[in-house]
């Protein structure tokens, strides 16, 4: 029995590079998306904890000190 001969122009490994690049790009997008999701989830969690704490204490808002002026102000919702 002899070896099987492949007929045509295809070489082994010739078409693997575009597939590898595509998989690497999909993985990179997935990692970036996951990090953005985790960052946003942490923001939402902190906002919920702050709201729960305000409700427990009966506060209307959370005050923070302005470092430049030394005055206190109510925290904005997007902070």
N, C-alpha and C. Protein backbone atom coordinates (compact mmCIF):
# COMPACT_ATOMS: atom_id res chain seq x y z
N UNK A 1 0.84 -1.17 0.00
CA UNK A 1 0.00 0.00 0.00
C UNK A 1 0.89 1.24 0.00
N UNK A 2 0.53 2.15 -0.83
CA UNK A 2 1.30 3.38 -0.92
C UNK A 2 0.58 4.53 -0.23
N UNK A 3 1.23 5.65 -0.14
CA UNK A 3 0.64 6.83 0.48
C UNK A 3 -0.37 7.46 -0.47
N UNK A 4 -1.37 8.10 0.11
CA UNK A 4 -2.38 8.77 -0.69
C UNK A 4 -1.83 10.13 -1.10
N UNK A 5 -1.95 10.44 -2.37
CA UNK A 5 -1.43 11.70 -2.87
C UNK A 5 -2.59 12.69 -3.02
N UNK A 6 -2.38 13.91 -2.51
CA UNK A 6 -3.40 14.94 -2.60
C UNK A 6 -3.16 15.71 -3.89
N UNK A 7 -4.21 15.84 -4.68
CA UNK A 7 -4.10 16.52 -5.96
C UNK A 7 -4.69 17.92 -5.81
N UNK A 8 -4.00 18.92 -6.27
CA UNK A 8 -4.50 20.28 -6.23
C UNK A 8 -3.45 21.24 -5.68
N UNK A 9 -3.86 22.48 -5.52
CA UNK A 9 -2.95 23.52 -5.06
C UNK A 9 -2.95 23.70 -3.55
N UNK A 10 -3.79 22.99 -2.84
CA UNK A 10 -3.87 23.22 -1.39
C UNK A 10 -2.66 22.65 -0.69
N UNK A 11 -2.10 23.46 0.17
CA UNK A 11 -1.00 23.00 1.00
C UNK A 11 -1.49 22.96 2.43
N UNK A 12 -0.96 22.05 3.19
CA UNK A 12 -1.38 21.92 4.58
C UNK A 12 -0.97 23.17 5.34
N UNK A 13 -1.93 23.78 6.07
CA UNK A 13 -1.66 24.97 6.85
C UNK A 13 -1.86 26.26 6.09
N UNK A 14 -2.15 26.19 4.81
CA UNK A 14 -2.29 27.40 3.99
C UNK A 14 -3.50 28.23 4.40
N UNK A 15 -4.60 27.60 4.72
CA UNK A 15 -5.83 28.32 5.04
C UNK A 15 -6.05 28.47 6.55
N UNK A 16 -5.10 28.13 7.36
CA UNK A 16 -5.28 28.19 8.80
C UNK A 16 -5.07 29.60 9.36
N UNK A 17 -4.27 30.43 8.73
CA UNK A 17 -3.96 31.75 9.27
C UNK A 17 -5.20 32.65 9.33
N UNK A 18 -6.03 32.77 8.29
CA UNK A 18 -7.23 33.61 8.41
C UNK A 18 -8.17 33.13 9.51
N UNK A 19 -8.30 31.83 9.66
CA UNK A 19 -9.15 31.28 10.71
C UNK A 19 -8.58 31.62 12.08
N UNK A 20 -7.28 31.53 12.23
CA UNK A 20 -6.63 31.85 13.49
C UNK A 20 -6.81 33.33 13.83
N UNK A 21 -6.64 34.20 12.83
CA UNK A 21 -6.84 35.63 13.05
C UNK A 21 -8.27 35.94 13.44
N UNK A 22 -9.22 35.28 12.80
CA UNK A 22 -10.64 35.48 13.12
C UNK A 22 -10.93 35.05 14.56
N UNK A 23 -10.42 33.91 14.95
CA UNK A 23 -10.63 33.41 16.31
C UNK A 23 -9.97 34.34 17.33
N UNK A 24 -8.78 34.85 17.01
CA UNK A 24 -8.10 35.78 17.91
C UNK A 24 -8.90 37.08 18.04
N UNK A 25 -9.46 37.57 16.93
CA UNK A 25 -10.26 38.80 16.98
C UNK A 25 -11.52 38.59 17.79
N UNK A 26 -12.18 37.47 17.62
CA UNK A 26 -13.40 37.17 18.39
C UNK A 26 -13.07 37.06 19.87
N UNK A 27 -11.96 36.43 20.19
CA UNK A 27 -11.55 36.31 21.60
C UNK A 27 -11.24 37.69 22.20
N UNK A 28 -10.56 38.54 21.43
CA UNK A 28 -10.23 39.89 21.93
C UNK A 28 -11.50 40.70 22.18
N UNK A 29 -12.45 40.63 21.27
CA UNK A 29 -13.72 41.33 21.45
C UNK A 29 -14.46 40.78 22.67
N UNK A 30 -14.40 39.48 22.85
CA UNK A 30 -15.04 38.87 24.01
C UNK A 30 -14.43 39.33 25.33
N UNK A 31 -13.11 39.42 25.38
CA UNK A 31 -12.43 39.86 26.59
C UNK A 31 -12.76 41.32 26.88
N UNK A 32 -12.72 42.16 25.86
CA UNK A 32 -13.03 43.58 26.04
C UNK A 32 -14.48 43.75 26.49
N UNK A 33 -15.38 43.01 25.87
CA UNK A 33 -16.79 43.07 26.26
C UNK A 33 -17.01 42.60 27.69
N UNK A 34 -16.34 41.55 28.08
CA UNK A 34 -16.47 41.03 29.44
C UNK A 34 -15.98 42.06 30.46
N UNK A 35 -14.84 42.69 30.17
CA UNK A 35 -14.31 43.70 31.10
C UNK A 35 -15.27 44.88 31.23
N UNK A 36 -15.85 45.30 30.11
CA UNK A 36 -16.80 46.42 30.15
C UNK A 36 -18.03 46.03 30.96
N UNK A 37 -18.49 44.78 30.79
CA UNK A 37 -19.66 44.29 31.52
C UNK A 37 -19.37 44.28 33.02
N UNK A 38 -18.21 43.79 33.41
CA UNK A 38 -17.86 43.72 34.83
C UNK A 38 -17.75 45.12 35.43
N UNK A 39 -17.16 46.04 34.68
CA UNK A 39 -17.02 47.42 35.16
C UNK A 39 -18.39 48.05 35.38
N UNK A 40 -19.29 47.87 34.44
CA UNK A 40 -20.64 48.42 34.57
C UNK A 40 -21.40 47.74 35.71
N UNK A 41 -21.22 46.44 35.88
CA UNK A 41 -21.88 45.72 36.96
C UNK A 41 -21.40 46.23 38.33
N UNK A 42 -20.13 46.55 38.44
CA UNK A 42 -19.60 47.10 39.69
C UNK A 42 -20.21 48.47 39.98
N UNK A 43 -20.37 49.30 38.94
CA UNK A 43 -20.99 50.61 39.12
C UNK A 43 -22.43 50.47 39.61
N UNK A 44 -23.17 49.57 38.98
CA UNK A 44 -24.57 49.36 39.36
C UNK A 44 -24.66 48.82 40.77
N UNK A 45 -23.79 47.90 41.12
CA UNK A 45 -23.78 47.33 42.46
C UNK A 45 -23.49 48.40 43.51
N UNK A 46 -22.53 49.28 43.23
CA UNK A 46 -22.20 50.35 44.17
C UNK A 46 -23.39 51.31 44.32
N UNK A 47 -24.06 51.60 43.21
CA UNK A 47 -25.23 52.47 43.25
C UNK A 47 -26.34 51.86 44.09
N UNK A 48 -26.55 50.56 43.93
CA UNK A 48 -27.59 49.87 44.70
C UNK A 48 -27.24 49.85 46.18
N UNK A 49 -25.97 49.57 46.51
CA UNK A 49 -25.54 49.58 47.91
C UNK A 49 -25.74 50.96 48.53
N UNK A 50 -25.40 52.01 47.78
CA UNK A 50 -25.58 53.37 48.28
C UNK A 50 -27.05 53.66 48.52
N UNK A 51 -27.91 53.25 47.61
CA UNK A 51 -29.35 53.48 47.76
C UNK A 51 -29.90 52.70 48.96
N UNK A 52 -29.44 51.47 49.17
CA UNK A 52 -29.89 50.68 50.32
C UNK A 52 -29.46 51.34 51.62
N UNK A 53 -28.23 51.84 51.65
CA UNK A 53 -27.71 52.49 52.84
C UNK A 53 -28.50 53.77 53.15
N UNK A 54 -28.84 54.53 52.10
CA UNK A 54 -29.63 55.75 52.28
C UNK A 54 -31.02 55.40 52.82
N UNK A 55 -31.59 54.32 52.32
CA UNK A 55 -32.92 53.92 52.77
C UNK A 55 -32.88 53.46 54.22
N UNK A 56 -31.83 52.74 54.62
CA UNK A 56 -31.70 52.28 56.00
C UNK A 56 -31.57 53.45 56.98
N UNK A 57 -30.81 54.46 56.58
CA UNK A 57 -30.57 55.59 57.47
C UNK A 57 -31.63 56.68 57.35
N UNK A 58 -32.45 56.60 56.32
CA UNK A 58 -33.48 57.61 56.11
C UNK A 58 -32.94 58.88 55.47
N UNK A 59 -31.76 58.80 54.90
CA UNK A 59 -31.14 59.96 54.27
C UNK A 59 -31.80 60.24 52.92
N UNK A 60 -31.77 61.51 52.53
CA UNK A 60 -32.33 61.90 51.24
C UNK A 60 -31.28 61.78 50.15
N UNK A 61 -30.03 61.91 50.50
CA UNK A 61 -28.93 61.81 49.54
C UNK A 61 -27.63 61.61 50.28
N UNK A 62 -26.59 61.32 49.54
CA UNK A 62 -25.27 61.13 50.13
C UNK A 62 -24.45 62.39 49.87
N UNK A 63 -23.82 62.90 50.90
CA UNK A 63 -23.00 64.09 50.78
C UNK A 63 -21.53 63.71 50.61
N UNK A 64 -20.85 64.46 49.73
CA UNK A 64 -19.42 64.30 49.56
C UNK A 64 -18.78 65.68 49.64
N UNK A 65 -17.55 65.71 50.13
CA UNK A 65 -16.84 66.98 50.27
C UNK A 65 -16.12 67.32 48.97
N UNK A 66 -16.28 68.56 48.52
CA UNK A 66 -15.55 69.06 47.37
C UNK A 66 -14.15 69.42 47.85
N UNK A 67 -13.14 68.80 47.30
CA UNK A 67 -11.77 68.98 47.78
C UNK A 67 -11.24 70.39 47.54
N UNK A 68 -11.72 71.03 46.50
CA UNK A 68 -11.23 72.37 46.17
C UNK A 68 -11.81 73.43 47.10
N UNK A 69 -13.13 73.36 47.32
CA UNK A 69 -13.79 74.41 48.11
C UNK A 69 -14.01 74.02 49.56
N UNK A 70 -14.00 72.73 49.86
CA UNK A 70 -14.25 72.27 51.22
C UNK A 70 -15.73 72.20 51.55
N UNK A 71 -16.60 72.51 50.59
CA UNK A 71 -18.04 72.46 50.82
C UNK A 71 -18.56 71.06 50.51
N UNK A 72 -19.69 70.72 51.14
CA UNK A 72 -20.33 69.43 50.90
C UNK A 72 -21.45 69.61 49.87
N UNK A 73 -21.64 68.59 49.05
CA UNK A 73 -22.71 68.61 48.07
C UNK A 73 -23.31 67.21 47.95
N UNK A 74 -24.49 67.14 47.38
CA UNK A 74 -25.16 65.85 47.18
C UNK A 74 -24.54 65.17 45.99
N UNK A 75 -24.31 63.85 46.11
CA UNK A 75 -23.70 63.09 45.04
C UNK A 75 -24.67 62.98 43.86
N UNK A 76 -24.15 63.20 42.66
CA UNK A 76 -24.97 63.05 41.46
C UNK A 76 -25.16 61.57 41.18
N UNK A 77 -26.27 61.20 40.53
CA UNK A 77 -26.54 59.78 40.27
C UNK A 77 -25.47 59.07 39.43
N UNK A 78 -24.79 59.78 38.56
CA UNK A 78 -23.81 59.13 37.68
C UNK A 78 -22.40 59.10 38.28
N UNK A 79 -22.23 59.50 39.52
CA UNK A 79 -20.91 59.46 40.16
C UNK A 79 -20.68 58.15 40.86
